[in-house]
Amino acid sequence: MRHSERAHAFLTAARAGDVVTARAFCTATARHHNQYFAAGMDVLIDAIAAASVEHPHSTFTVKRIVASDNMVVLHSHVVHAPGEPGYTVFHMFRFEGDLIAELWDVGQTIEAQSPNSDGPF
């Protein structure tokens, strides 16, 4: 499995609430840099799983994948409820061997009335 496939599978497992599988994609010392959650990959995985319970009709669609050496970036569209424009999210992963060692993520609300006709994707 390529790093890009592992990154996608990690997010898919976490969003499905399968924290055991999500954790299996990470090194024992994996860390994240999300400013809204305490340090520790387990904290972030649990938060992703909880968000899926809180928003049971949410969707997660990967629009682009960029990979180079041990780095992978997923550009995704996340929608919490049908009819909402949702968010554009970038997840950047650093791998050690075949495991995720580090994760950064940033998101932006998609404005329903954006002046940019090019759209977010």
C-alpha atoms as a PDB file:
ATOM      1  CA  MET A   1       0.000   0.000   0.000  1.00  0.00           C
ATOM      2  CA  ARG A   2       1.389   3.420  -0.965  1.00  0.00           C
ATOM      3  CA  HIS A   3       1.668   6.273   1.536  1.00  0.00           C
ATOM      4  CA  SER A   4      -1.202   8.104  -0.169  1.00  0.00           C
ATOM      5  CA  GLU A   5      -3.425   5.043   0.235  1.00  0.00           C
ATOM      6  CA  ARG A   6      -2.405   4.712   3.882  1.00  0.00           C
ATOM      7  CA  ALA A   7      -3.215   8.378   4.573  1.00  0.00           C
ATOM      8  CA  HIS A   8      -6.641   7.998   2.976  1.00  0.00           C
ATOM      9  CA  ALA A   9      -7.303   4.725   4.823  1.00  0.00           C
ATOM     10  CA  PHE A  10      -6.296   6.343   8.138  1.00  0.00           C
ATOM     11  CA  LEU A  11      -8.825   9.163   7.725  1.00  0.00           C
ATOM     12  CA  THR A  12     -11.499   6.769   6.481  1.00  0.00           C
ATOM     13  CA  ALA A  13     -11.032   4.509   9.524  1.00  0.00           C
ATOM     14  CA  ALA A  14     -11.021   7.411  11.985  1.00  0.00           C
ATOM     15  CA  ARG A  15     -14.152   8.916  10.424  1.00  0.00           C
ATOM     16  CA  ALA A  16     -15.857   5.511  10.632  1.00  0.00           C
ATOM     17  CA  GLY A  17     -15.078   5.354  14.348  1.00  0.00           C
ATOM     18  CA  ASP A  18     -12.641   2.476  13.834  1.00  0.00           C
ATOM     19  CA  VAL A  19     -10.005   3.912  16.151  1.00  0.00           C
ATOM     20  CA  VAL A  20      -8.096   0.613  16.409  1.00  0.00           C
ATOM     21  CA  THR A  21      -7.500   0.520  12.654  1.00  0.00           C
ATOM     22  CA  ALA A  22      -6.708   4.248  12.527  1.00  0.00           C
ATOM     23  CA  ARG A  23      -4.112   3.882  15.292  1.00  0.00           C
ATOM     24  CA  ALA A  24      -2.530   0.941  13.458  1.00  0.00           C
ATOM     25  CA  PHE A  25      -1.541   3.346  10.656  1.00  0.00           C
ATOM     26  CA  CYS A  26       0.510   5.460  13.105  1.00  0.00           C
ATOM     27  CA  THR A  27       3.866   5.151  14.816  1.00  0.00           C
ATOM     28  CA  ALA A  28       3.785   4.796  18.608  1.00  0.00           C
ATOM     29  CA  THR A  29       5.045   8.383  18.893  1.00  0.00           C
ATOM     30  CA  ALA A  30       2.927   9.932  16.114  1.00  0.00           C
ATOM     31  CA  ARG A  31       1.895  13.504  16.711  1.00  0.00           C
ATOM     32  CA  HIS A  32      -0.480  16.056  15.236  1.00  0.00           C
ATOM     33  CA  HIS A  33      -0.458  19.842  15.057  1.00  0.00           C
ATOM     34  CA  ASN A  34      -4.173  20.677  15.233  1.00  0.00           C
ATOM     35  CA  GLN A  35      -4.426  23.726  17.489  1.00  0.00           C
ATOM     36  CA  TYR A  36      -7.924  22.808  18.716  1.00  0.00           C
ATOM     37  CA  PHE A  37      -6.952  19.549  20.431  1.00  0.00           C
ATOM     38  CA  ALA A  38      -4.468  18.450  23.070  1.00  0.00           C
ATOM     39  CA  ALA A  39      -1.252  16.794  21.914  1.00  0.00           C
ATOM     40  CA  GLY A  40      -1.251  13.101  21.083  1.00  0.00           C
ATOM     41  CA  MET A  41      -2.477  11.274  18.006  1.00  0.00           C
ATOM     42  CA  ASP A  42      -4.992   9.288  20.084  1.00  0.00           C
ATOM     43  CA  VAL A  43      -6.687  12.566  21.036  1.00  0.00           C
ATOM     44  CA  LEU A  44      -7.073  13.575  17.391  1.00  0.00           C
ATOM     45  CA  ILE A  45      -8.265  10.142  16.262  1.00  0.00           C
ATOM     46  CA  ASP A  46     -10.897  10.132  19.018  1.00  0.00           C
ATOM     47  CA  ALA A  47     -12.002  13.649  17.998  1.00  0.00           C
ATOM     48  CA  ILE A  48     -12.387  12.632  14.345  1.00  0.00           C
ATOM     49  CA  ALA A  49     -14.407   9.579  15.383  1.00  0.00           C
ATOM     50  CA  ALA A  50     -16.588  11.690  17.714  1.00  0.00           C
ATOM     51  CA  ALA A  51     -17.258  14.229  14.948  1.00  0.00           C
ATOM     52  CA  SER A  52     -18.638  11.444  12.781  1.00  0.00           C
ATOM     53  CA  VAL A  53     -21.042  10.453  15.550  1.00  0.00           C
ATOM     54  CA  GLU A  54     -22.037  14.093  16.058  1.00  0.00           C
ATOM     55  CA  HIS A  55     -22.576  14.502  12.284  1.00  0.00           C
ATOM     56  CA  PRO A  56     -23.819  11.064  11.141  1.00  0.00           C
ATOM     57  CA  HIS A  57     -24.675  12.245   7.615  1.00  0.00           C
ATOM     58  CA  SER A  58     -21.308  13.874   6.988  1.00  0.00           C
ATOM     59  CA  THR A  59     -19.348  13.109   3.847  1.00  0.00           C
ATOM     60  CA  PHE A  60     -15.625  13.149   3.172  1.00  0.00           C
ATOM     61  CA  THR A  61     -14.460  13.289  -0.434  1.00  0.00           C
ATOM     62  CA  VAL A  62     -10.803  13.432  -1.397  1.00  0.00           C
ATOM     63  CA  LYS A  63     -10.405  15.784  -4.356  1.00  0.00           C
ATOM     64  CA  ARG A  64      -6.607  15.713  -4.758  1.00  0.00           C
ATOM     65  CA  ILE A  65      -3.619  13.798  -3.476  1.00  0.00           C
ATOM     66  CA  VAL A  66      -0.064  15.102  -3.662  1.00  0.00           C
ATOM     67  CA  ALA A  67       2.751  12.775  -2.626  1.00  0.00           C
ATOM     68  CA  SER A  68       6.519  13.151  -2.546  1.00  0.00           C
ATOM     69  CA  ASP A  69       8.938  10.864  -0.719  1.00  0.00           C
ATOM     70  CA  ASN A  70       7.605  10.509   2.836  1.00  0.00           C
ATOM     71  CA  MET A  71       5.042  13.351   2.597  1.00  0.00           C
ATOM     72  CA  VAL A  72       1.399  13.141   1.482  1.00  0.00           C
ATOM     73  CA  VAL A  73      -1.211  15.891   1.232  1.00  0.00           C
ATOM     74  CA  LEU A  74      -4.922  15.172   0.840  1.00  0.00           C
ATOM     75  CA  HIS A  75      -7.171  18.034  -0.330  1.00  0.00           C
ATOM     76  CA  SER A  76     -10.696  17.090   0.668  1.00  0.00           C
ATOM     77  CA  HIS A  77     -14.288  18.271   0.816  1.00  0.00           C
ATOM     78  CA  VAL A  78     -16.026  17.681   4.145  1.00  0.00           C
ATOM     79  CA  VAL A  79     -19.771  18.275   4.483  1.00  0.00           C
ATOM     80  CA  HIS A  80     -21.393  17.809   7.899  1.00  0.00           C
ATOM     81  CA  ALA A  81     -25.030  17.928   6.746  1.00  0.00           C
ATOM     82  CA  PRO A  82     -26.717  17.562   3.360  1.00  0.00           C
ATOM     83  CA  GLY A  83     -27.270  20.903   1.667  1.00  0.00           C
ATOM     84  CA  GLU A  84     -24.416  22.674   3.449  1.00  0.00           C
ATOM     85  CA  PRO A  85     -21.437  23.855   1.377  1.00  0.00           C
ATOM     86  CA  GLY A  86     -19.037  22.321   3.907  1.00  0.00           C
ATOM     87  CA  TYR A  87     -15.302  22.812   4.252  1.00  0.00           C
ATOM     88  CA  THR A  88     -12.193  22.385   2.186  1.00  0.00           C
ATOM     89  CA  VAL A  89      -9.555  20.601   4.260  1.00  0.00           C
ATOM     90  CA  PHE A  90      -5.870  19.882   3.736  1.00  0.00           C
ATOM     91  CA  HIS A  91      -4.318  16.999   5.687  1.00  0.00           C
ATOM     92  CA  MET A  92      -0.542  16.750   5.412  1.00  0.00           C
ATOM     93  CA  PHE A  93       1.126  13.544   6.596  1.00  0.00           C
ATOM     94  CA  ARG A  94       4.764  12.706   7.244  1.00  0.00           C
ATOM     95  CA  PHE A  95       5.610   9.015   7.196  1.00  0.00           C
ATOM     96  CA  GLU A  96       8.365   7.036   8.877  1.00  0.00           C
ATOM     97  CA  GLY A  97       8.568   3.804   6.940  1.00  0.00           C
ATOM     98  CA  ASP A  98       4.975   2.783   6.280  1.00  0.00           C
ATOM     99  CA  LEU A  99       3.505   4.549   9.325  1.00  0.00           C
ATOM    100  CA  ILE A 100       2.192   8.052   9.909  1.00  0.00           C
ATOM    101  CA  ALA A 101       4.581   9.941  12.163  1.00  0.00           C
ATOM    102  CA  GLU A 102       3.130  13.436  11.933  1.00  0.00           C
ATOM    103  CA  LEU A 103      -0.078  15.120  10.781  1.00  0.00           C
ATOM    104  CA  TRP A 104      -1.014  18.729  10.077  1.00  0.00           C
ATOM    105  CA  ASP A 105      -4.508  19.811   9.064  1.00  0.00           C
ATOM    106  CA  VAL A 106      -6.097  23.088   8.068  1.00  0.00           C
ATOM    107  CA  GLY A 107      -9.640  23.797   6.991  1.00  0.00           C
ATOM    108  CA  GLN A 108     -11.590  26.611   5.431  1.00  0.00           C
ATOM    109  CA  THR A 109     -15.336  27.139   5.448  1.00  0.00           C
ATOM    110  CA  ILE A 110     -16.790  27.147   1.950  1.00  0.00           C
ATOM    111  CA  GLU A 111     -18.849  30.297   1.569  1.00  0.00           C
ATOM    112  CA  ALA A 112     -22.207  29.792  -0.149  1.00  0.00           C
ATOM    113  CA  GLN A 113     -21.942  33.267  -1.689  1.00  0.00           C
ATOM    114  CA  SER A 114     -18.225  33.463  -2.464  1.00  0.00           C
ATOM    115  CA  PRO A 115     -17.126  36.178  -4.888  1.00  0.00           C
ATOM    116  CA  ASN A 116     -14.658  33.671  -6.402  1.00  0.00           C
ATOM    117  CA  SER A 117     -16.379  31.956  -9.330  1.00  0.00           C
ATOM    118  CA  ASP A 118     -13.527  29.407  -9.566  1.00  0.00           C
ATOM    119  CA  GLY A 119     -14.817  27.646  -6.449  1.00  0.00           C
ATOM    120  CA  PRO A 120     -12.729  25.894  -3.792  1.00  0.00           C
ATOM    121  CA  PHE A 121     -11.881  22.829  -5.887  1.00  0.00           C
END
